[in-house]
Amino acid sequence: MKLQHILMAVTALAAAGLSQAQPADPLQVRSWAAACAACHGTQGHAQPGMIALAGTPQEVIVQKMLDFKAGRLPAATVMHQLAKGYSDEQITAIAGYFAAQKK
């Protein structure tokens, strides 16, 4: 009986540790952000005619990505499909990366 209580406590602690979000590895975030380079330019410095992401506030990018992901924006680009491939946490990390880049 005592062993069962110990096992339950260990399991609960392990689950609590797993449920806390771990900060994303900076190299991983850069690799996610690199997928944006084809359209938005290296490090978010876009070519004329495309939206530059560098220096855009994180919350603006997050909201746009979540709107694309939820289908709240017109499907005029591939963004609605691309956004669905990222978790909300990944979107936040990518947005933070671009927000930190100089315009």
PDB file of N, CA and C in Angstrom:
ATOM      1  N   MET A   1       0.829  -1.185   0.000  1.00  0.00           N
ATOM      2  CA  MET A   1       0.000   0.000   0.000  1.00  0.00           C
ATOM      3  C   MET A   1       0.876   1.252   0.000  1.00  0.00           C
ATOM      4  N   LYS A   2       1.916   1.267   0.854  1.00  0.00           N
ATOM      5  CA  LYS A   2       2.799   2.414   0.926  1.00  0.00           C
ATOM      6  C   LYS A   2       3.528   2.604  -0.408  1.00  0.00           C
ATOM      7  N   LEU A   3       3.941   1.513  -1.038  1.00  0.00           N
ATOM      8  CA  LEU A   3       4.610   1.576  -2.330  1.00  0.00           C
ATOM      9  C   LEU A   3       3.684   2.194  -3.377  1.00  0.00           C
ATOM     10  N   GLN A   4       2.429   1.846  -3.315  1.00  0.00           N
ATOM     11  CA  GLN A   4       1.462   2.394  -4.261  1.00  0.00           C
ATOM     12  C   GLN A   4       1.352   3.918  -4.100  1.00  0.00           C
ATOM     13  N   HIS A   5       1.350   4.401  -2.876  1.00  0.00           N
ATOM     14  CA  HIS A   5       1.285   5.845  -2.628  1.00  0.00           C
ATOM     15  C   HIS A   5       2.545   6.542  -3.145  1.00  0.00           C
ATOM     16  N   ILE A   6       3.684   5.913  -2.948  1.00  0.00           N
ATOM     17  CA  ILE A   6       4.943   6.485  -3.430  1.00  0.00           C
ATOM     18  C   ILE A   6       4.934   6.560  -4.954  1.00  0.00           C
ATOM     19  N   LEU A   7       4.488   5.482  -5.597  1.00  0.00           N
ATOM     20  CA  LEU A   7       4.430   5.463  -7.057  1.00  0.00           C
ATOM     21  C   LEU A   7       3.474   6.526  -7.584  1.00  0.00           C
ATOM     22  N   MET A   8       2.352   6.708  -6.919  1.00  0.00           N
ATOM     23  CA  MET A   8       1.392   7.729  -7.341  1.00  0.00           C
ATOM     24  C   MET A   8       1.994   9.125  -7.188  1.00  0.00           C
ATOM     25  N   ALA A   9       2.721   9.343  -6.099  1.00  0.00           N
ATOM     26  CA  ALA A   9       3.338  10.647  -5.869  1.00  0.00           C
ATOM     27  C   ALA A   9       4.413  10.932  -6.914  1.00  0.00           C
ATOM     28  N   VAL A  10       5.233   9.937  -7.220  1.00  0.00           N
ATOM     29  CA  VAL A  10       6.282  10.100  -8.230  1.00  0.00           C
ATOM     30  C   VAL A  10       5.659  10.373  -9.596  1.00  0.00           C
ATOM     31  N   THR A  11       4.614   9.655  -9.926  1.00  0.00           N
ATOM     32  CA  THR A  11       3.927   9.857 -11.199  1.00  0.00           C
ATOM     33  C   THR A  11       3.341  11.259 -11.284  1.00  0.00           C
ATOM     34  N   ALA A  12       2.735  11.721 -10.204  1.00  0.00           N
ATOM     35  CA  ALA A  12       2.152  13.066 -10.185  1.00  0.00           C
ATOM     36  C   ALA A  12       3.225  14.133 -10.346  1.00  0.00           C
ATOM     37  N   LEU A  13       4.355  13.959  -9.678  1.00  0.00           N
ATOM     38  CA  LEU A  13       5.445  14.926  -9.808  1.00  0.00           C
ATOM     39  C   LEU A  13       6.018  14.934 -11.223  1.00  0.00           C
ATOM     40  N   ALA A  14       6.163  13.768 -11.793  1.00  0.00           N
ATOM     41  CA  ALA A  14       6.684  13.680 -13.158  1.00  0.00           C
ATOM     42  C   ALA A  14       5.729  14.349 -14.137  1.00  0.00           C
ATOM     43  N   ALA A  15       4.448  14.118 -13.970  1.00  0.00           N
ATOM     44  CA  ALA A  15       3.454  14.731 -14.853  1.00  0.00           C
ATOM     45  C   ALA A  15       3.457  16.246 -14.694  1.00  0.00           C
ATOM     46  N   ALA A  16       3.604  16.726 -13.488  1.00  0.00           N
ATOM     47  CA  ALA A  16       3.647  18.174 -13.252  1.00  0.00           C
ATOM     48  C   ALA A  16       4.862  18.787 -13.929  1.00  0.00           C
ATOM     49  N   GLY A  17       5.980  18.106 -13.874  1.00  0.00           N
ATOM     50  CA  GLY A  17       7.188  18.604 -14.527  1.00  0.00           C
ATOM     51  C   GLY A  17       7.049  18.632 -16.029  1.00  0.00           C
ATOM     52  N   LEU A  18       6.379  17.660 -16.607  1.00  0.00           N
ATOM     53  CA  LEU A  18       6.199  17.606 -18.046  1.00  0.00           C
ATOM     54  C   LEU A  18       5.200  18.633 -18.535  1.00  0.00           C
ATOM     55  N   SER A  19       4.252  18.995 -17.682  1.00  0.00           N
ATOM     56  CA  SER A  19       3.217  19.917 -18.124  1.00  0.00           C
ATOM     57  C   SER A  19       3.702  21.357 -18.176  1.00  0.00           C
ATOM     58  N   GLN A  20       4.801  21.671 -17.499  1.00  0.00           N
ATOM     59  CA  GLN A  20       5.319  23.029 -17.537  1.00  0.00           C
ATOM     60  C   GLN A  20       6.064  23.235 -18.848  1.00  0.00           C
ATOM     61  N   ALA A  21       5.739  24.319 -19.515  1.00  0.00           N
ATOM     62  CA  ALA A  21       6.355  24.593 -20.809  1.00  0.00           C
ATOM     63  C   ALA A  21       7.843  24.892 -20.635  1.00  0.00           C
ATOM     64  N   GLN A  22       8.638  24.216 -21.421  1.00  0.00           N
ATOM     65  CA  GLN A  22      10.075  24.453 -21.427  1.00  0.00           C
ATOM     66  C   GLN A  22      10.368  25.496 -22.502  1.00  0.00           C
ATOM     67  N   PRO A  23      11.277  26.422 -22.228  1.00  0.00           N
ATOM     68  CA  PRO A  23      11.605  27.397 -23.265  1.00  0.00           C
ATOM     69  C   PRO A  23      12.222  26.689 -24.468  1.00  0.00           C
ATOM     70  N   ALA A  24      11.874  27.163 -25.648  1.00  0.00           N
ATOM     71  CA  ALA A  24      12.381  26.541 -26.865  1.00  0.00           C
ATOM     72  C   ALA A  24      13.870  26.833 -27.016  1.00  0.00           C
ATOM     73  N   ASP A  25      14.585  25.867 -27.530  1.00  0.00           N
ATOM     74  CA  ASP A  25      16.010  26.013 -27.805  1.00  0.00           C
ATOM     75  C   ASP A  25      16.187  27.073 -28.899  1.00  0.00           C
ATOM     76  N   PRO A  26      17.061  28.058 -28.698  1.00  0.00           N
ATOM     77  CA  PRO A  26      17.241  29.121 -29.697  1.00  0.00           C
ATOM     78  C   PRO A  26      17.585  28.603 -31.098  1.00  0.00           C
ATOM     79  N   LEU A  27      18.363  27.541 -31.181  1.00  0.00           N
ATOM     80  CA  LEU A  27      18.679  26.987 -32.502  1.00  0.00           C
ATOM     81  C   LEU A  27      17.449  26.381 -33.154  1.00  0.00           C
ATOM     82  N   GLN A  28      16.591  25.773 -32.349  1.00  0.00           N
ATOM     83  CA  GLN A  28      15.353  25.217 -32.884  1.00  0.00           C
ATOM     84  C   GLN A  28      14.452  26.332 -33.393  1.00  0.00           C
ATOM     85  N   VAL A  29      14.360  27.407 -32.630  1.00  0.00           N
ATOM     86  CA  VAL A  29      13.525  28.543 -33.041  1.00  0.00           C
ATOM     87  C   VAL A  29      14.043  29.128 -34.355  1.00  0.00           C
ATOM     88  N   ARG A  30      15.369  29.253 -34.479  1.00  0.00           N
ATOM     89  CA  ARG A  30      15.943  29.764 -35.733  1.00  0.00           C
ATOM     90  C   ARG A  30      15.618  28.853 -36.906  1.00  0.00           C
ATOM     91  N   SER A  31      15.604  27.553 -36.674  1.00  0.00           N
ATOM     92  CA  SER A  31      15.286  26.643 -37.781  1.00  0.00           C
ATOM     93  C   SER A  31      13.813  26.764 -38.169  1.00  0.00           C
ATOM     94  N   TRP A  32      12.932  26.958 -37.182  1.00  0.00           N
ATOM     95  CA  TRP A  32      11.513  27.190 -37.510  1.00  0.00           C
ATOM     96  C   TRP A  32      11.376  28.484 -38.303  1.00  0.00           C
ATOM     97  N   ALA A  33      12.061  29.535 -37.860  1.00  0.00           N
ATOM     98  CA  ALA A  33      11.980  30.840 -38.517  1.00  0.00           C
ATOM     99  C   ALA A  33      12.576  30.797 -39.922  1.00  0.00           C
ATOM    100  N   ALA A  34      13.549  29.944 -40.147  1.00  0.00           N
ATOM    101  CA  ALA A  34      14.175  29.835 -41.469  1.00  0.00           C
ATOM    102  C   ALA A  34      13.168  29.424 -42.533  1.00  0.00           C
ATOM    103  N   ALA A  35      12.124  28.716 -42.130  1.00  0.00           N
ATOM    104  CA  ALA A  35      11.091  28.306 -43.080  1.00  0.00           C
ATOM    105  C   ALA A  35      10.358  29.519 -43.656  1.00  0.00           C
ATOM    106  N   CYS A  36      10.426  30.641 -42.980  1.00  0.00           N
ATOM    107  CA  CYS A  36       9.742  31.864 -43.417  1.00  0.00           C
ATOM    108  C   CYS A  36      10.568  32.645 -44.439  1.00  0.00           C
ATOM    109  N   ALA A  37      11.860  32.317 -44.558  1.00  0.00           N
ATOM    110  CA  ALA A  37      12.792  33.103 -45.368  1.00  0.00           C
ATOM    111  C   ALA A  37      12.432  33.137 -46.845  1.00  0.00           C
ATOM    112  N   ALA A  38      11.850  32.086 -47.373  1.00  0.00           N
ATOM    113  CA  ALA A  38      11.540  32.048 -48.800  1.00  0.00           C
ATOM    114  C   ALA A  38      10.648  33.218 -49.212  1.00  0.00           C
ATOM    115  N   CYS A  39       9.722  33.591 -48.358  1.00  0.00           N
ATOM    116  CA  CYS A  39       8.817  34.702 -48.680  1.00  0.00           C
ATOM    117  C   CYS A  39       9.158  35.985 -47.927  1.00  0.00           C
ATOM    118  N   HIS A  40       9.535  35.850 -46.669  1.00  0.00           N
ATOM    119  CA  HIS A  40       9.720  37.023 -45.815  1.00  0.00           C
ATOM    120  C   HIS A  40      11.178  37.437 -45.665  1.00  0.00           C
ATOM    121  N   GLY A  41      12.087  36.767 -46.354  1.00  0.00           N
ATOM    122  CA  GLY A  41      13.493  37.146 -46.346  1.00  0.00           C
ATOM    123  C   GLY A  41      14.263  36.599 -45.160  1.00  0.00           C
ATOM    124  N   THR A  42      15.581  36.580 -45.339  1.00  0.00           N
ATOM    125  CA  THR A  42      16.469  36.108 -44.283  1.00  0.00           C
ATOM    126  C   THR A  42      16.321  37.000 -43.065  1.00  0.00           C
ATOM    127  N   GLN A  43      16.115  36.409 -41.930  1.00  0.00           N
ATOM    128  CA  GLN A  43      15.928  37.100 -40.654  1.00  0.00           C
ATOM    129  C   GLN A  43      14.802  38.127 -40.708  1.00  0.00           C
ATOM    130  N   GLY A  44      13.832  37.891 -41.592  1.00  0.00           N
ATOM    131  CA  GLY A  44      12.657  38.753 -41.652  1.00  0.00           C
ATOM    132  C   GLY A  44      12.816  40.019 -42.454  1.00  0.00           C
ATOM    133  N   HIS A  45      13.936  40.163 -43.184  1.00  0.00           N
ATOM    134  CA  HIS A  45      14.168  41.336 -44.033  1.00  0.00           C
ATOM    135  C   HIS A  45      13.693  41.001 -45.442  1.00  0.00           C
ATOM    136  N   ALA A  46      12.449  41.334 -45.733  1.00  0.00           N
ATOM    137  CA  ALA A  46      11.799  40.929 -46.974  1.00  0.00           C
ATOM    138  C   ALA A  46      12.203  41.793 -48.159  1.00  0.00           C
ATOM    139  N   GLN A  47      12.004  41.229 -49.332  1.00  0.00           N
ATOM    140  CA  GLN A  47      12.174  41.963 -50.576  1.00  0.00           C
ATOM    141  C   GLN A  47      10.958  42.876 -50.765  1.00  0.00           C
ATOM    142  N   PRO A  48      11.095  43.921 -51.588  1.00  0.00           N
ATOM    143  CA  PRO A  48       9.947  44.801 -51.841  1.00  0.00           C
ATOM    144  C   PRO A  48       8.731  44.004 -52.316  1.00  0.00           C
ATOM    145  N   GLY A  49       7.584  44.382 -51.801  1.00  0.00           N
ATOM    146  CA  GLY A  49       6.347  43.708 -52.169  1.00  0.00           C
ATOM    147  C   GLY A  49       5.930  42.611 -51.204  1.00  0.00           C
ATOM    148  N   MET A  50       6.797  42.262 -50.285  1.00  0.00           N
ATOM    149  CA  MET A  50       6.484  41.226 -49.291  1.00  0.00           C
ATOM    150  C   MET A  50       6.552  41.856 -47.908  1.00  0.00           C
ATOM    151  N   ILE A  51       5.786  41.332 -46.992  1.00  0.00           N
ATOM    152  CA  ILE A  51       5.760  41.853 -45.624  1.00  0.00           C
ATOM    153  C   ILE A  51       7.045  41.462 -44.902  1.00  0.00           C
ATOM    154  N   ALA A  52       7.737  42.467 -44.356  1.00  0.00           N
ATOM    155  CA  ALA A  52       8.932  42.219 -43.546  1.00  0.00           C
ATOM    156  C   ALA A  52       8.500  41.888 -42.124  1.00  0.00           C
ATOM    157  N   LEU A  53       9.121  40.893 -41.538  1.00  0.00           N
ATOM    158  CA  LEU A  53       8.785  40.488 -40.175  1.00  0.00           C
ATOM    159  C   LEU A  53       9.753  41.054 -39.146  1.00  0.00           C
ATOM    160  N   ALA A  54      10.952  41.401 -39.565  1.00  0.00           N
ATOM    161  CA  ALA A  54      11.973  41.890 -38.631  1.00  0.00           C
ATOM    162  C   ALA A  54      11.486  43.134 -37.900  1.00  0.00           C
ATOM    163  N   GLY A  55      11.577  43.099 -36.579  1.00  0.00           N
ATOM    164  CA  GLY A  55      11.198  44.234 -35.759  1.00  0.00           C
ATOM    165  C   GLY A  55       9.711  44.406 -35.536  1.00  0.00           C
ATOM    166  N   THR A  56       8.902  43.533 -36.104  1.00  0.00           N
ATOM    167  CA  THR A  56       7.454  43.597 -35.878  1.00  0.00           C
ATOM    168  C   THR A  56       7.176  43.113 -34.464  1.00  0.00           C
ATOM    169  N   PRO A  57       6.333  43.815 -33.714  1.00  0.00           N
ATOM    170  CA  PRO A  57       6.052  43.376 -32.342  1.00  0.00           C
ATOM    171  C   PRO A  57       5.563  41.923 -32.288  1.00  0.00           C
ATOM    172  N   GLN A  58       6.044  41.205 -31.299  1.00  0.00           N
ATOM    173  CA  GLN A  58       5.719  39.791 -31.150  1.00  0.00           C
ATOM    174  C   GLN A  58       4.216  39.553 -31.147  1.00  0.00           C
ATOM    175  N   GLU A  59       3.477  40.373 -30.403  1.00  0.00           N
ATOM    176  CA  GLU A  59       2.037  40.140 -30.289  1.00  0.00           C
ATOM    177  C   GLU A  59       1.318  40.321 -31.625  1.00  0.00           C
ATOM    178  N   VAL A  60       1.843  41.180 -32.500  1.00  0.00           N
ATOM    179  CA  VAL A  60       1.244  41.375 -33.821  1.00  0.00           C
ATOM    180  C   VAL A  60       1.430  40.115 -34.665  1.00  0.00           C
ATOM    181  N   ILE A  61       2.638  39.573 -34.661  1.00  0.00           N
ATOM    182  CA  ILE A  61       2.909  38.354 -35.434  1.00  0.00           C
ATOM    183  C   ILE A  61       2.100  37.188 -34.882  1.00  0.00           C
ATOM    184  N   VAL A  62       2.078  37.044 -33.569  1.00  0.00           N
ATOM    185  CA  VAL A  62       1.319  35.944 -32.954  1.00  0.00           C
ATOM    186  C   VAL A  62      -0.143  36.030 -33.366  1.00  0.00           C
ATOM    187  N   GLN A  63      -0.743  37.215 -33.260  1.00  0.00           N
ATOM    188  CA  GLN A  63      -2.162  37.345 -33.592  1.00  0.00           C
ATOM    189  C   GLN A  63      -2.433  37.008 -35.050  1.00  0.00           C
ATOM    190  N   LYS A  64      -1.580  37.497 -35.955  1.00  0.00           N
ATOM    191  CA  LYS A  64      -1.746  37.181 -37.380  1.00  0.00           C
ATOM    192  C   LYS A  64      -1.657  35.682 -37.625  1.00  0.00           C
ATOM    193  N   MET A  65      -0.641  35.051 -37.032  1.00  0.00           N
ATOM    194  CA  MET A  65      -0.463  33.608 -37.226  1.00  0.00           C
ATOM    195  C   MET A  65      -1.651  32.825 -36.674  1.00  0.00           C
ATOM    196  N   LEU A  66      -2.132  33.215 -35.505  1.00  0.00           N
ATOM    197  CA  LEU A  66      -3.292  32.525 -34.929  1.00  0.00           C
ATOM    198  C   LEU A  66      -4.535  32.751 -35.781  1.00  0.00           C
ATOM    199  N   ASP A  67      -4.667  33.949 -36.355  1.00  0.00           N
ATOM    200  CA  ASP A  67      -5.795  34.216 -37.256  1.00  0.00           C
ATOM    201  C   ASP A  67      -5.700  33.359 -38.513  1.00  0.00           C
ATOM    202  N   PHE A  68      -4.498  33.237 -39.077  1.00  0.00           N
ATOM    203  CA  PHE A  68      -4.323  32.347 -40.229  1.00  0.00           C
ATOM    204  C   PHE A  68      -4.659  30.914 -39.841  1.00  0.00           C
ATOM    205  N   LYS A  69      -4.140  30.483 -38.706  1.00  0.00           N
ATOM    206  CA  LYS A  69      -4.329  29.105 -38.239  1.00  0.00           C
ATOM    207  C   LYS A  69      -5.807  28.778 -38.049  1.00  0.00           C
ATOM    208  N   ALA A  70      -6.569  29.740 -37.530  1.00  0.00           N
ATOM    209  CA  ALA A  70      -7.994  29.521 -37.255  1.00  0.00           C
ATOM    210  C   ALA A  70      -8.875  29.780 -38.476  1.00  0.00           C
ATOM    211  N   GLY A  71      -8.287  30.225 -39.572  1.00  0.00           N
ATOM    212  CA  GLY A  71      -9.071  30.490 -40.773  1.00  0.00           C
ATOM    213  C   GLY A  71      -9.822  31.810 -40.732  1.00  0.00           C
ATOM    214  N   ARG A  72      -9.413  32.719 -39.860  1.00  0.00           N
ATOM    215  CA  ARG A  72     -10.093  34.014 -39.747  1.00  0.00           C
ATOM    216  C   ARG A  72      -9.627  35.022 -40.797  1.00  0.00           C
ATOM    217  N   LEU A  73      -8.555  34.701 -41.515  1.00  0.00           N
ATOM    218  CA  LEU A  73      -8.070  35.576 -42.581  1.00  0.00           C
ATOM    219  C   LEU A  73      -8.285  34.887 -43.919  1.00  0.00           C
ATOM    220  N   PRO A  74      -8.468  35.668 -44.974  1.00  0.00           N
ATOM    221  CA  PRO A  74      -8.697  35.058 -46.290  1.00  0.00           C
ATOM    222  C   PRO A  74      -7.543  34.147 -46.698  1.00  0.00           C
ATOM    223  N   ALA A  75      -7.876  33.108 -47.387  1.00  0.00           N
ATOM    224  CA  ALA A  75      -6.872  32.124 -47.817  1.00  0.00           C
ATOM    225  C   ALA A  75      -6.207  32.575 -49.111  1.00  0.00           C
ATOM    226  N   ALA A  76      -5.704  33.812 -49.132  1.00  0.00           N
ATOM    227  CA  ALA A  76      -5.073  34.353 -50.330  1.00  0.00           C
ATOM    228  C   ALA A  76      -3.620  33.908 -50.461  1.00  0.00           C
ATOM    229  N   THR A  77      -3.069  33.365 -49.402  1.00  0.00           N
ATOM    230  CA  THR A  77      -1.679  32.918 -49.413  1.00  0.00           C
ATOM    231  C   THR A  77      -1.627  31.487 -48.885  1.00  0.00           C
ATOM    232  N   VAL A  78      -0.424  30.983 -48.748  1.00  0.00           N
ATOM    233  CA  VAL A  78      -0.249  29.654 -48.166  1.00  0.00           C
ATOM    234  C   VAL A  78      -0.188  29.713 -46.642  1.00  0.00           C
ATOM    235  N   MET A  79      -0.262  30.925 -46.082  1.00  0.00           N
ATOM    236  CA  MET A  79      -0.085  31.084 -44.643  1.00  0.00           C
ATOM    237  C   MET A  79      -1.103  30.308 -43.816  1.00  0.00           C
ATOM    238  N   HIS A  80      -2.327  30.206 -44.284  1.00  0.00           N
ATOM    239  CA  HIS A  80      -3.321  29.465 -43.498  1.00  0.00           C
ATOM    240  C   HIS A  80      -2.926  28.001 -43.356  1.00  0.00           C
ATOM    241  N   GLN A  81      -2.258  27.445 -44.344  1.00  0.00           N
ATOM    242  CA  GLN A  81      -1.789  26.060 -44.251  1.00  0.00           C
ATOM    243  C   GLN A  81      -0.516  25.968 -43.413  1.00  0.00           C
ATOM    244  N   LEU A  82       0.408  26.884 -43.630  1.00  0.00           N
ATOM    245  CA  LEU A  82       1.663  26.855 -42.882  1.00  0.00           C
ATOM    246  C   LEU A  82       1.427  27.044 -41.391  1.00  0.00           C
ATOM    247  N   ALA A  83       0.547  27.965 -41.033  1.00  0.00           N
ATOM    248  CA  ALA A  83       0.291  28.258 -39.618  1.00  0.00           C
ATOM    249  C   ALA A  83      -0.256  27.046 -38.881  1.00  0.00           C
ATOM    250  N   LYS A  84      -1.009  26.213 -39.573  1.00  0.00           N
ATOM    251  CA  LYS A  84      -1.574  25.013 -38.938  1.00  0.00           C
ATOM    252  C   LYS A  84      -0.497  24.009 -38.549  1.00  0.00           C
ATOM    253  N   GLY A  85       0.685  24.140 -39.115  1.00  0.00           N
ATOM    254  CA  GLY A  85       1.772  23.215 -38.818  1.00  0.00           C
ATOM    255  C   GLY A  85       2.542  23.536 -37.545  1.00  0.00           C
ATOM    256  N   TYR A  86       2.210  24.648 -36.903  1.00  0.00           N
ATOM    257  CA  TYR A  86       2.918  25.064 -35.693  1.00  0.00           C
ATOM    258  C   TYR A  86       1.980  25.077 -34.495  1.00  0.00           C
ATOM    259  N   SER A  87       2.516  24.710 -33.345  1.00  0.00           N
ATOM    260  CA  SER A  87       1.752  24.841 -32.100  1.00  0.00           C
ATOM    261  C   SER A  87       1.721  26.320 -31.722  1.00  0.00           C
ATOM    262  N   ASP A  88       0.830  26.684 -30.821  1.00  0.00           N
ATOM    263  CA  ASP A  88       0.766  28.072 -30.353  1.00  0.00           C
ATOM    264  C   ASP A  88       2.084  28.485 -29.707  1.00  0.00           C
ATOM    265  N   GLU A  89       2.728  27.557 -29.007  1.00  0.00           N
ATOM    266  CA  GLU A  89       4.008  27.847 -28.367  1.00  0.00           C
ATOM    267  C   GLU A  89       5.095  28.095 -29.411  1.00  0.00           C
ATOM    268  N   GLN A  90       5.085  27.309 -30.483  1.00  0.00           N
ATOM    269  CA  GLN A  90       6.059  27.508 -31.552  1.00  0.00           C
ATOM    270  C   GLN A  90       5.834  28.858 -32.234  1.00  0.00           C
ATOM    271  N   ILE A  91       4.578  29.200 -32.464  1.00  0.00           N
ATOM    272  CA  ILE A  91       4.250  30.491 -33.073  1.00  0.00           C
ATOM    273  C   ILE A  91       4.776  31.629 -32.209  1.00  0.00           C
ATOM    274  N   THR A  92       4.564  31.531 -30.905  1.00  0.00           N
ATOM    275  CA  THR A  92       5.042  32.567 -29.988  1.00  0.00           C
ATOM    276  C   THR A  92       6.564  32.678 -30.037  1.00  0.00           C
ATOM    277  N   ALA A  93       7.247  31.542 -30.086  1.00  0.00           N
ATOM    278  CA  ALA A  93       8.712  31.547 -30.140  1.00  0.00           C
ATOM    279  C   ALA A  93       9.214  32.152 -31.449  1.00  0.00           C
ATOM    280  N   ILE A  94       8.604  31.781 -32.559  1.00  0.00           N
ATOM    281  CA  ILE A  94       8.995  32.326 -33.862  1.00  0.00           C
ATOM    282  C   ILE A  94       8.747  33.834 -33.895  1.00  0.00           C
ATOM    283  N   ALA A  95       7.604  34.254 -33.385  1.00  0.00           N
ATOM    284  CA  ALA A  95       7.275  35.684 -33.352  1.00  0.00           C
ATOM    285  C   ALA A  95       8.285  36.453 -32.505  1.00  0.00           C
ATOM    286  N   GLY A  96       8.704  35.855 -31.407  1.00  0.00           N
ATOM    287  CA  GLY A  96       9.718  36.486 -30.565  1.00  0.00           C
ATOM    288  C   GLY A  96      11.041  36.636 -31.290  1.00  0.00           C
ATOM    289  N   TYR A  97      11.390  35.627 -32.076  1.00  0.00           N
ATOM    290  CA  TYR A  97      12.626  35.683 -32.860  1.00  0.00           C
ATOM    291  C   TYR A  97      12.584  36.871 -33.828  1.00  0.00           C
ATOM    292  N   PHE A  98      11.495  36.984 -34.590  1.00  0.00           N
ATOM    293  CA  PHE A  98      11.407  38.072 -35.562  1.00  0.00           C
ATOM    294  C   PHE A  98      11.296  39.436 -34.890  1.00  0.00           C
ATOM    295  N   ALA A  99      10.600  39.508 -33.779  1.00  0.00           N
ATOM    296  CA  ALA A  99      10.478  40.778 -33.054  1.00  0.00           C
ATOM    297  C   ALA A  99      11.846  41.278 -32.592  1.00  0.00           C
ATOM    298  N   ALA A 100      12.746  40.362 -32.288  1.00  0.00           N
ATOM    299  CA  ALA A 100      14.079  40.727 -31.791  1.00  0.00           C
ATOM    300  C   ALA A 100      15.040  41.148 -32.906  1.00  0.00           C
ATOM    301  N   GLN A 101      14.671  40.902 -34.163  1.00  0.00           N
ATOM    302  CA  GLN A 101      15.541  41.274 -35.283  1.00  0.00           C
ATOM    303  C   GLN A 101      15.426  42.772 -35.545  1.00  0.00           C
ATOM    304  N   LYS A 102      16.528  43.390 -35.960  1.00  0.00           N
ATOM    305  CA  LYS A 102      16.505  44.816 -36.293  1.00  0.00           C
ATOM    306  C   LYS A 102      15.816  45.022 -37.628  1.00  0.00           C
ATOM    307  N   LYS A 103      15.049  46.102 -37.717  1.00  0.00           N
ATOM    308  CA  LYS A 103      14.358  46.429 -38.978  1.00  0.00           C
ATOM    309  C   LYS A 103      15.350  46.805 -40.041  1.00  0.00           C
TER     310      LYS A 103
END
